[in-house]
C-alpha atoms as a PDB file:
ATOM      1  CA  MET A   1       2.215  -7.522   9.979  1.00  0.00           C
ATOM      2  CA  ARG A   2       1.637  -8.614   6.398  1.00  0.00           C
ATOM      3  CA  VAL A   3      -1.755  -8.600   4.682  1.00  0.00           C
ATOM      4  CA  ASP A   4      -3.009  -9.418   1.224  1.00  0.00           C
ATOM      5  CA  VAL A   5      -4.670  -6.306  -0.168  1.00  0.00           C
ATOM      6  CA  CYS A   6      -6.072  -7.431  -3.496  1.00  0.00           C
ATOM      7  CA  ALA A   7      -5.580  -9.421  -6.667  1.00  0.00           C
ATOM      8  CA  ARG A   8      -3.096  -8.010  -9.177  1.00  0.00           C
ATOM      9  CA  GLU A   9      -5.852  -7.127 -11.645  1.00  0.00           C
ATOM     10  CA  ASP A  10      -8.106  -5.423  -9.041  1.00  0.00           C
ATOM     11  CA  TYR A  11      -7.382  -1.848 -10.098  1.00  0.00           C
ATOM     12  CA  PRO A  12     -10.133  -0.179  -8.019  1.00  0.00           C
ATOM     13  CA  SER A  13      -8.613  -1.720  -4.873  1.00  0.00           C
ATOM     14  CA  GLN A  14      -5.137  -0.587  -5.921  1.00  0.00           C
ATOM     15  CA  ALA A  15      -6.493   2.954  -6.207  1.00  0.00           C
ATOM     16  CA  LYS A  16      -8.043   2.648  -2.721  1.00  0.00           C
ATOM     17  CA  LEU A  17      -4.672   1.480  -1.382  1.00  0.00           C
ATOM     18  CA  LEU A  18      -2.919   4.537  -2.813  1.00  0.00           C
ATOM     19  CA  ASP A  19      -5.610   6.804  -1.327  1.00  0.00           C
ATOM     20  CA  ALA A  20      -5.290   5.045   2.047  1.00  0.00           C
ATOM     21  CA  LEU A  21      -1.506   5.419   2.055  1.00  0.00           C
ATOM     22  CA  ALA A  22      -1.913   9.144   1.420  1.00  0.00           C
ATOM     23  CA  ALA A  23      -4.574   9.355   4.150  1.00  0.00           C
ATOM     24  CA  VAL A  24      -2.145   8.012   6.779  1.00  0.00           C
ATOM     25  CA  GLY A  25       0.589  10.376   5.605  1.00  0.00           C
ATOM     26  CA  ALA A  26       2.706   7.781   3.782  1.00  0.00           C
ATOM     27  CA  TYR A  27       5.093   9.081   1.157  1.00  0.00           C
ATOM     28  CA  PRO A  28       7.230   7.092  -1.299  1.00  0.00           C
ATOM     29  CA  ASP A  29      10.735   6.209  -0.147  1.00  0.00           C
ATOM     30  CA  ASP A  30      11.871   6.533  -3.779  1.00  0.00           C
ATOM     31  CA  ASP A  31      10.586   8.357  -6.839  1.00  0.00           C
ATOM     32  CA  TYR A  32       7.713   6.025  -7.809  1.00  0.00           C
ATOM     33  CA  GLU A  33       5.145   6.549 -10.501  1.00  0.00           C
ATOM     34  CA  LEU A  34       2.114   6.365  -8.203  1.00  0.00           C
ATOM     35  CA  GLU A  35      -0.681   5.395 -10.494  1.00  0.00           C
ATOM     36  CA  VAL A  36      -2.774   2.346 -11.177  1.00  0.00           C
ATOM     37  CA  PRO A  37      -1.812  -0.263 -12.169  1.00  0.00           C
ATOM     38  CA  LEU A  38       0.972  -0.404  -9.612  1.00  0.00           C
ATOM     39  CA  PRO A  39       4.321  -1.516 -11.010  1.00  0.00           C
ATOM     40  CA  THR A  40       5.517  -5.021 -10.250  1.00  0.00           C
ATOM     41  CA  GLY A  41       8.048  -5.249  -7.443  1.00  0.00           C
ATOM     42  CA  LEU A  42       8.662  -3.627  -4.069  1.00  0.00           C
ATOM     43  CA  LEU A  43       7.380  -0.152  -3.297  1.00  0.00           C
ATOM     44  CA  ARG A  44       8.447   1.401   0.003  1.00  0.00           C
ATOM     45  CA  PHE A  45       6.589   4.162   1.812  1.00  0.00           C
ATOM     46  CA  ARG A  46       7.512   6.104   4.941  1.00  0.00           C
ATOM     47  CA  VAL A  47       5.306   7.437   7.700  1.00  0.00           C
ATOM     48  CA  GLY A  48       7.663   9.250  10.029  1.00  0.00           C
ATOM     49  CA  SER A  49      10.340   6.715  10.868  1.00  0.00           C
ATOM     50  CA  ASP A  50       8.096   3.720  10.039  1.00  0.00           C
ATOM     51  CA  LEU A  51       8.379   1.832   6.770  1.00  0.00           C
ATOM     52  CA  LEU A  52       5.527   0.257   4.816  1.00  0.00           C
ATOM     53  CA  THR A  53       6.284  -2.124   1.966  1.00  0.00           C
ATOM     54  CA  VAL A  54       3.861  -2.831  -0.865  1.00  0.00           C
ATOM     55  CA  PHE A  55       4.770  -5.925  -2.874  1.00  0.00           C
ATOM     56  CA  VAL A  56       3.197  -6.428  -6.277  1.00  0.00           C
ATOM     57  CA  ASP A  57       3.649  -9.590  -8.313  1.00  0.00           C
ATOM     58  CA  ALA A  58       1.744 -11.302 -11.123  1.00  0.00           C
ATOM     59  CA  TRP A  59      -0.985 -12.509  -8.739  1.00  0.00           C
ATOM     60  CA  ALA A  60      -1.429 -10.175  -5.806  1.00  0.00           C
ATOM     61  CA  VAL A  61      -0.713  -6.925  -3.993  1.00  0.00           C
ATOM     62  CA  ASP A  62       0.271  -7.131  -0.341  1.00  0.00           C
ATOM     63  CA  LEU A  63       1.219  -4.705   2.398  1.00  0.00           C
ATOM     64  CA  GLU A  64       3.722  -5.161   5.207  1.00  0.00           C
ATOM     65  CA  GLY A  65       4.741  -2.928   8.079  1.00  0.00           C
ATOM     66  CA  PRO A  66       4.206  -2.176  11.762  1.00  0.00           C
ATOM     67  CA  ASP A  67       0.936  -3.688  13.008  1.00  0.00           C
ATOM     68  CA  ASP A  68      -0.672  -0.400  14.048  1.00  0.00           C
ATOM     69  CA  LEU A  69       0.220   1.330  10.794  1.00  0.00           C
ATOM     70  CA  VAL A  70      -1.009  -1.535   8.616  1.00  0.00           C
ATOM     71  CA  ARG A  71      -4.278  -1.501  10.563  1.00  0.00           C
ATOM     72  CA  ARG A  72      -4.610   2.254   9.953  1.00  0.00           C
ATOM     73  CA  VAL A  73      -4.118   1.730   6.203  1.00  0.00           C
ATOM     74  CA  LEU A  74      -6.682  -1.077   6.174  1.00  0.00           C
ATOM     75  CA  ALA A  75      -9.150   1.109   8.074  1.00  0.00           C
ATOM     76  CA  ALA A  76      -8.628   3.889   5.523  1.00  0.00           C
ATOM     77  CA  ILE A  77      -9.248   1.420   2.674  1.00  0.00           C
ATOM     78  CA  THR A  78     -12.522   0.208   4.177  1.00  0.00           C
ATOM     79  CA  GLY A  79     -13.625   3.627   5.422  1.00  0.00           C
ATOM     80  CA  ASP A  80     -13.709   2.597   9.090  1.00  0.00           C
END
């Protein structure tokens, strides 16, 4: 599943995304500088054996991964 998370310049939503990733137990696949603003490009996170990908370009931030895991991240972002 792939979802648009926020606009590139929406820094409060980027911070919520990082908090939500931590809430579901996601950890960076590489040594990323995890702060807002997120760096442009692909960021990969692991939750057990599952992989989440955050893609950041000049316009948007999106999230891709297994349906259930993406839904858990979205729920953590919205507080549901």
